[in-house]
Amino acid sequence: MSQQESPQTNRPKLYRMADVLEITGLCRATIYNLMDKDDFPKSIKLGQRAIAWKADEVHQWIDSRVCA
């Protein structure tokens, strides 16, 4: 099973804030600061108080940091 896609639907996986913090090792404020500078993928609004990021975009950002 791919970490980025659900095996049954082939739809992109979404990461909530806690997932992004754990995967990147960054703090919440840094994520928002990087988003403001267009240096981190933009979040997707899921509801009034819920946001998420596309998993593939987060992994692409990590890969770009590793390769830099």
PDB file of N, CA and C in Angstrom:
ATOM      1  N   MET A   1       0.843  -1.184   0.000  1.00  0.00           N
ATOM      2  CA  MET A   1       0.000   0.000   0.000  1.00  0.00           C
ATOM      3  C   MET A   1       0.886   1.243   0.000  1.00  0.00           C
ATOM      4  N   SER A   2       0.615   2.153  -0.893  1.00  0.00           N
ATOM      5  CA  SER A   2       1.352   3.395  -0.984  1.00  0.00           C
ATOM      6  C   SER A   2       0.979   4.309   0.174  1.00  0.00           C
ATOM      7  N   GLN A   3       1.971   5.037   0.669  1.00  0.00           N
ATOM      8  CA  GLN A   3       1.719   5.956   1.762  1.00  0.00           C
ATOM      9  C   GLN A   3       0.926   7.165   1.283  1.00  0.00           C
ATOM     10  N   GLN A   4       0.981   7.443  -0.012  1.00  0.00           N
ATOM     11  CA  GLN A   4       0.369   8.650  -0.529  1.00  0.00           C
ATOM     12  C   GLN A   4      -1.037   8.427  -1.064  1.00  0.00           C
ATOM     13  N   GLU A   5      -1.404   7.205  -1.364  1.00  0.00           N
ATOM     14  CA  GLU A   5      -2.706   6.969  -1.959  1.00  0.00           C
ATOM     15  C   GLU A   5      -3.421   5.821  -1.272  1.00  0.00           C
ATOM     16  N   SER A   6      -4.708   5.922  -1.215  1.00  0.00           N
ATOM     17  CA  SER A   6      -5.525   4.847  -0.697  1.00  0.00           C
ATOM     18  C   SER A   6      -5.606   3.760  -1.757  1.00  0.00           C
ATOM     19  N   PRO A   7      -5.408   2.492  -1.396  1.00  0.00           N
ATOM     20  CA  PRO A   7      -5.396   1.431  -2.404  1.00  0.00           C
ATOM     21  C   PRO A   7      -6.743   1.212  -3.074  1.00  0.00           C
ATOM     22  N   GLN A   8      -7.831   1.563  -2.417  1.00  0.00           N
ATOM     23  CA  GLN A   8      -9.154   1.303  -2.973  1.00  0.00           C
ATOM     24  C   GLN A   8      -9.633   2.412  -3.891  1.00  0.00           C
ATOM     25  N   THR A   9      -9.204   3.628  -3.685  1.00  0.00           N
ATOM     26  CA  THR A   9      -9.751   4.740  -4.448  1.00  0.00           C
ATOM     27  C   THR A   9      -8.718   5.457  -5.301  1.00  0.00           C
ATOM     28  N   ASN A  10      -7.439   5.238  -5.062  1.00  0.00           N
ATOM     29  CA  ASN A  10      -6.361   5.939  -5.768  1.00  0.00           C
ATOM     30  C   ASN A  10      -6.476   7.454  -5.641  1.00  0.00           C
ATOM     31  N   ARG A  11      -7.077   7.907  -4.564  1.00  0.00           N
ATOM     32  CA  ARG A  11      -7.176   9.336  -4.302  1.00  0.00           C
ATOM     33  C   ARG A  11      -6.004   9.757  -3.434  1.00  0.00           C
ATOM     34  N   PRO A  12      -5.585  11.011  -3.576  1.00  0.00           N
ATOM     35  CA  PRO A  12      -4.453  11.479  -2.770  1.00  0.00           C
ATOM     36  C   PRO A  12      -4.764  11.422  -1.277  1.00  0.00           C
ATOM     37  N   LYS A  13      -3.762  11.080  -0.516  1.00  0.00           N
ATOM     38  CA  LYS A  13      -3.900  11.056   0.933  1.00  0.00           C
ATOM     39  C   LYS A  13      -3.682  12.468   1.466  1.00  0.00           C
ATOM     40  N   LEU A  14      -4.394  12.802   2.523  1.00  0.00           N
ATOM     41  CA  LEU A  14      -4.246  14.098   3.167  1.00  0.00           C
ATOM     42  C   LEU A  14      -3.611  13.927   4.534  1.00  0.00           C
ATOM     43  N   TYR A  15      -2.727  14.840   4.870  1.00  0.00           N
ATOM     44  CA  TYR A  15      -2.102  14.869   6.187  1.00  0.00           C
ATOM     45  C   TYR A  15      -2.678  16.028   6.983  1.00  0.00           C
ATOM     46  N   ARG A  16      -3.069  15.757   8.208  1.00  0.00           N
ATOM     47  CA  ARG A  16      -3.499  16.808   9.120  1.00  0.00           C
ATOM     48  C   ARG A  16      -2.263  17.414   9.768  1.00  0.00           C
ATOM     49  N   MET A  17      -2.429  18.481  10.515  1.00  0.00           N
ATOM     50  CA  MET A  17      -1.309  19.216  11.104  1.00  0.00           C
ATOM     51  C   MET A  17      -0.392  18.309  11.924  1.00  0.00           C
ATOM     52  N   ALA A  18      -0.958  17.477  12.770  1.00  0.00           N
ATOM     53  CA  ALA A  18      -0.129  16.601  13.612  1.00  0.00           C
ATOM     54  C   ALA A  18       0.761  15.698  12.755  1.00  0.00           C
ATOM     55  N   ASP A  19       0.219  15.215  11.645  1.00  0.00           N
ATOM     56  CA  ASP A  19       0.999  14.377  10.737  1.00  0.00           C
ATOM     57  C   ASP A  19       2.149  15.168  10.123  1.00  0.00           C
ATOM     58  N   VAL A  20       1.848  16.378   9.666  1.00  0.00           N
ATOM     59  CA  VAL A  20       2.866  17.227   9.034  1.00  0.00           C
ATOM     60  C   VAL A  20       3.969  17.566  10.031  1.00  0.00           C
ATOM     61  N   LEU A  21       3.599  17.879  11.252  1.00  0.00           N
ATOM     62  CA  LEU A  21       4.597  18.192  12.277  1.00  0.00           C
ATOM     63  C   LEU A  21       5.506  16.993  12.529  1.00  0.00           C
ATOM     64  N   GLU A  22       4.921  15.821  12.621  1.00  0.00           N
ATOM     65  CA  GLU A  22       5.700  14.613  12.872  1.00  0.00           C
ATOM     66  C   GLU A  22       6.603  14.270  11.691  1.00  0.00           C
ATOM     67  N   ILE A  23       6.075  14.362  10.487  1.00  0.00           N
ATOM     68  CA  ILE A  23       6.831  13.976   9.293  1.00  0.00           C
ATOM     69  C   ILE A  23       7.987  14.947   9.022  1.00  0.00           C
ATOM     70  N   THR A  24       7.732  16.249   9.178  1.00  0.00           N
ATOM     71  CA  THR A  24       8.755  17.245   8.850  1.00  0.00           C
ATOM     72  C   THR A  24       9.702  17.539  10.003  1.00  0.00           C
ATOM     73  N   GLY A  25       9.238  17.348  11.228  1.00  0.00           N
ATOM     74  CA  GLY A  25      10.046  17.708  12.388  1.00  0.00           C
ATOM     75  C   GLY A  25      10.016  19.197  12.683  1.00  0.00           C
ATOM     76  N   LEU A  26       9.156  19.925  11.984  1.00  0.00           N
ATOM     77  CA  LEU A  26       9.041  21.364  12.188  1.00  0.00           C
ATOM     78  C   LEU A  26       7.930  21.671  13.194  1.00  0.00           C
ATOM     79  N   CYS A  27       7.958  22.883  13.735  1.00  0.00           N
ATOM     80  CA  CYS A  27       6.888  23.289  14.642  1.00  0.00           C
ATOM     81  C   CYS A  27       5.796  23.994  13.830  1.00  0.00           C
ATOM     82  N   ARG A  28       4.658  24.144  14.447  1.00  0.00           N
ATOM     83  CA  ARG A  28       3.484  24.743  13.808  1.00  0.00           C
ATOM     84  C   ARG A  28       3.796  26.144  13.264  1.00  0.00           C
ATOM     85  N   ALA A  29       4.453  26.970  14.058  1.00  0.00           N
ATOM     86  CA  ALA A  29       4.752  28.345  13.633  1.00  0.00           C
ATOM     87  C   ALA A  29       5.650  28.353  12.396  1.00  0.00           C
ATOM     88  N   THR A  30       6.613  27.452  12.350  1.00  0.00           N
ATOM     89  CA  THR A  30       7.510  27.385  11.195  1.00  0.00           C
ATOM     90  C   THR A  30       6.753  26.975   9.943  1.00  0.00           C
ATOM     91  N   ILE A  31       5.835  26.025  10.079  1.00  0.00           N
ATOM     92  CA  ILE A  31       5.014  25.611   8.931  1.00  0.00           C
ATOM     93  C   ILE A  31       4.263  26.820   8.382  1.00  0.00           C
ATOM     94  N   TYR A  32       3.610  27.585   9.245  1.00  0.00           N
ATOM     95  CA  TYR A  32       2.839  28.745   8.795  1.00  0.00           C
ATOM     96  C   TYR A  32       3.753  29.829   8.211  1.00  0.00           C
ATOM     97  N   ASN A  33       4.916  30.047   8.822  1.00  0.00           N
ATOM     98  CA  ASN A  33       5.856  31.034   8.284  1.00  0.00           C
ATOM     99  C   ASN A  33       6.331  30.635   6.893  1.00  0.00           C
ATOM    100  N   LEU A  34       6.647  29.366   6.707  1.00  0.00           N
ATOM    101  CA  LEU A  34       7.083  28.888   5.391  1.00  0.00           C
ATOM    102  C   LEU A  34       5.954  28.997   4.366  1.00  0.00           C
ATOM    103  N   MET A  35       4.731  28.699   4.770  1.00  0.00           N
ATOM    104  CA  MET A  35       3.588  28.844   3.866  1.00  0.00           C
ATOM    105  C   MET A  35       3.423  30.303   3.443  1.00  0.00           C
ATOM    106  N   ASP A  36       3.588  31.234   4.377  1.00  0.00           N
ATOM    107  CA  ASP A  36       3.456  32.654   4.062  1.00  0.00           C
ATOM    108  C   ASP A  36       4.498  33.104   3.048  1.00  0.00           C
ATOM    109  N   LYS A  37       5.676  32.470   3.076  1.00  0.00           N
ATOM    110  CA  LYS A  37       6.763  32.800   2.147  1.00  0.00           C
ATOM    111  C   LYS A  37       6.713  31.956   0.876  1.00  0.00           C
ATOM    112  N   ASP A  38       5.661  31.161   0.713  1.00  0.00           N
ATOM    113  CA  ASP A  38       5.534  30.233  -0.421  1.00  0.00           C
ATOM    114  C   ASP A  38       6.680  29.232  -0.467  1.00  0.00           C
ATOM    115  N   ASP A  39       7.203  28.861   0.710  1.00  0.00           N
ATOM    116  CA  ASP A  39       8.282  27.877   0.807  1.00  0.00           C
ATOM    117  C   ASP A  39       7.799  26.535   1.346  1.00  0.00           C
ATOM    118  N   PHE A  40       6.498  26.362   1.479  1.00  0.00           N
ATOM    119  CA  PHE A  40       5.913  25.112   1.945  1.00  0.00           C
ATOM    120  C   PHE A  40       4.553  24.986   1.264  1.00  0.00           C
ATOM    121  N   PRO A  41       4.130  23.769   0.960  1.00  0.00           N
ATOM    122  CA  PRO A  41       2.821  23.602   0.289  1.00  0.00           C
ATOM    123  C   PRO A  41       1.687  24.262   1.073  1.00  0.00           C
ATOM    124  N   LYS A  42       0.764  24.821   0.343  1.00  0.00           N
ATOM    125  CA  LYS A  42      -0.405  25.452   0.964  1.00  0.00           C
ATOM    126  C   LYS A  42      -1.352  24.385   1.504  1.00  0.00           C
ATOM    127  N   SER A  43      -1.994  24.705   2.583  1.00  0.00           N
ATOM    128  CA  SER A  43      -2.955  23.781   3.177  1.00  0.00           C
ATOM    129  C   SER A  43      -4.287  23.864   2.433  1.00  0.00           C
ATOM    130  N   ILE A  44      -5.087  22.843   2.625  1.00  0.00           N
ATOM    131  CA  ILE A  44      -6.428  22.762   2.051  1.00  0.00           C
ATOM    132  C   ILE A  44      -7.419  22.889   3.193  1.00  0.00           C
ATOM    133  N   LYS A  45      -8.384  23.762   3.054  1.00  0.00           N
ATOM    134  CA  LYS A  45      -9.394  23.936   4.096  1.00  0.00           C
ATOM    135  C   LYS A  45     -10.426  22.815   3.972  1.00  0.00           C
ATOM    136  N   LEU A  46     -10.570  22.034   5.023  1.00  0.00           N
ATOM    137  CA  LEU A  46     -11.514  20.923   5.029  1.00  0.00           C
ATOM    138  C   LEU A  46     -12.852  21.306   5.643  1.00  0.00           C
ATOM    139  N   GLY A  47     -12.814  22.259   6.507  1.00  0.00           N
ATOM    140  CA  GLY A  47     -14.015  22.689   7.214  1.00  0.00           C
ATOM    141  C   GLY A  47     -13.727  24.009   7.892  1.00  0.00           C
ATOM    142  N   GLN A  48     -14.589  24.383   8.794  1.00  0.00           N
ATOM    143  CA  GLN A  48     -14.440  25.675   9.457  1.00  0.00           C
ATOM    144  C   GLN A  48     -13.138  25.763  10.262  1.00  0.00           C
ATOM    145  N   ARG A  49     -12.741  24.660  10.884  1.00  0.00           N
ATOM    146  CA  ARG A  49     -11.544  24.676  11.723  1.00  0.00           C
ATOM    147  C   ARG A  49     -10.581  23.543  11.401  1.00  0.00           C
ATOM    148  N   ALA A  50     -10.691  22.974  10.227  1.00  0.00           N
ATOM    149  CA  ALA A  50      -9.853  21.828   9.868  1.00  0.00           C
ATOM    150  C   ALA A  50      -9.109  22.095   8.561  1.00  0.00           C
ATOM    151  N   ILE A  51      -7.798  21.824   8.577  1.00  0.00           N
ATOM    152  CA  ILE A  51      -6.989  21.949   7.371  1.00  0.00           C
ATOM    153  C   ILE A  51      -6.159  20.686   7.202  1.00  0.00           C
ATOM    154  N   ALA A  52      -5.659  20.504   5.998  1.00  0.00           N
ATOM    155  CA  ALA A  52      -4.808  19.353   5.702  1.00  0.00           C
ATOM    156  C   ALA A  52      -3.912  19.715   4.528  1.00  0.00           C
ATOM    157  N   TRP A  53      -2.931  18.869   4.291  1.00  0.00           N
ATOM    158  CA  TRP A  53      -2.023  19.022   3.163  1.00  0.00           C
ATOM    159  C   TRP A  53      -2.049  17.753   2.343  1.00  0.00           C
ATOM    160  N   LYS A  54      -1.863  17.884   1.035  1.00  0.00           N
ATOM    161  CA  LYS A  54      -1.741  16.709   0.192  1.00  0.00           C
ATOM    162  C   LYS A  54      -0.419  16.032   0.519  1.00  0.00           C
ATOM    163  N   ALA A  55      -0.479  14.734   0.788  1.00  0.00           N
ATOM    164  CA  ALA A  55       0.706  13.985   1.201  1.00  0.00           C
ATOM    165  C   ALA A  55       1.799  14.062   0.148  1.00  0.00           C
ATOM    166  N   ASP A  56       1.433  13.937  -1.129  1.00  0.00           N
ATOM    167  CA  ASP A  56       2.461  13.954  -2.165  1.00  0.00           C
ATOM    168  C   ASP A  56       3.180  15.296  -2.223  1.00  0.00           C
ATOM    169  N   GLU A  57       2.485  16.405  -1.948  1.00  0.00           N
ATOM    170  CA  GLU A  57       3.128  17.718  -1.934  1.00  0.00           C
ATOM    171  C   GLU A  57       4.085  17.860  -0.753  1.00  0.00           C
ATOM    172  N   VAL A  58       3.697  17.324   0.390  1.00  0.00           N
ATOM    173  CA  VAL A  58       4.579  17.367   1.563  1.00  0.00           C
ATOM    174  C   VAL A  58       5.838  16.542   1.283  1.00  0.00           C
ATOM    175  N   HIS A  59       5.675  15.363   0.706  1.00  0.00           N
ATOM    176  CA  HIS A  59       6.830  14.517   0.412  1.00  0.00           C
ATOM    177  C   HIS A  59       7.723  15.134  -0.668  1.00  0.00           C
ATOM    178  N   GLN A  60       7.133  15.807  -1.653  1.00  0.00           N
ATOM    179  CA  GLN A  60       7.930  16.503  -2.660  1.00  0.00           C
ATOM    180  C   GLN A  60       8.735  17.622  -2.018  1.00  0.00           C
ATOM    181  N   TRP A  61       8.139  18.343  -1.063  1.00  0.00           N
ATOM    182  CA  TRP A  61       8.844  19.410  -0.359  1.00  0.00           C
ATOM    183  C   TRP A  61      10.014  18.820   0.423  1.00  0.00           C
ATOM    184  N   ILE A  62       9.792  17.710   1.110  1.00  0.00           N
ATOM    185  CA  ILE A  62      10.870  17.068   1.868  1.00  0.00           C
ATOM    186  C   ILE A  62      11.976  16.642   0.919  1.00  0.00           C
ATOM    187  N   ASP A  63      11.620  16.017  -0.191  1.00  0.00           N
ATOM    188  CA  ASP A  63      12.611  15.572  -1.176  1.00  0.00           C
ATOM    189  C   ASP A  63      13.426  16.755  -1.703  1.00  0.00           C
ATOM    190  N   SER A  64      12.777  17.894  -1.922  1.00  0.00           N
ATOM    191  CA  SER A  64      13.496  19.074  -2.424  1.00  0.00           C
ATOM    192  C   SER A  64      14.483  19.588  -1.387  1.00  0.00           C
ATOM    193  N   ARG A  65      14.161  19.424  -0.122  1.00  0.00           N
ATOM    194  CA  ARG A  65      15.072  19.843   0.942  1.00  0.00           C
ATOM    195  C   ARG A  65      16.256  18.897   1.056  1.00  0.00           C
ATOM    196  N   VAL A  66      16.017  17.610   0.879  1.00  0.00           N
ATOM    197  CA  VAL A  66      17.085  16.611   0.980  1.00  0.00           C
ATOM    198  C   VAL A  66      18.062  16.770  -0.176  1.00  0.00           C
ATOM    199  N   CYS A  67      17.529  17.076  -1.361  1.00  0.00           N
ATOM    200  CA  CYS A  67      18.361  17.192  -2.559  1.00  0.00           C
ATOM    201  C   CYS A  67      19.108  18.526  -2.614  1.00  0.00           C
ATOM    202  N   ALA A  68      18.675  19.507  -1.836  1.00  0.00           N
ATOM    203  CA  ALA A  68      19.288  20.850  -1.895  1.00  0.00           C
ATOM    204  C   ALA A  68      20.640  20.899  -1.235  1.00  0.00           C
TER     205      ALA A  68
END
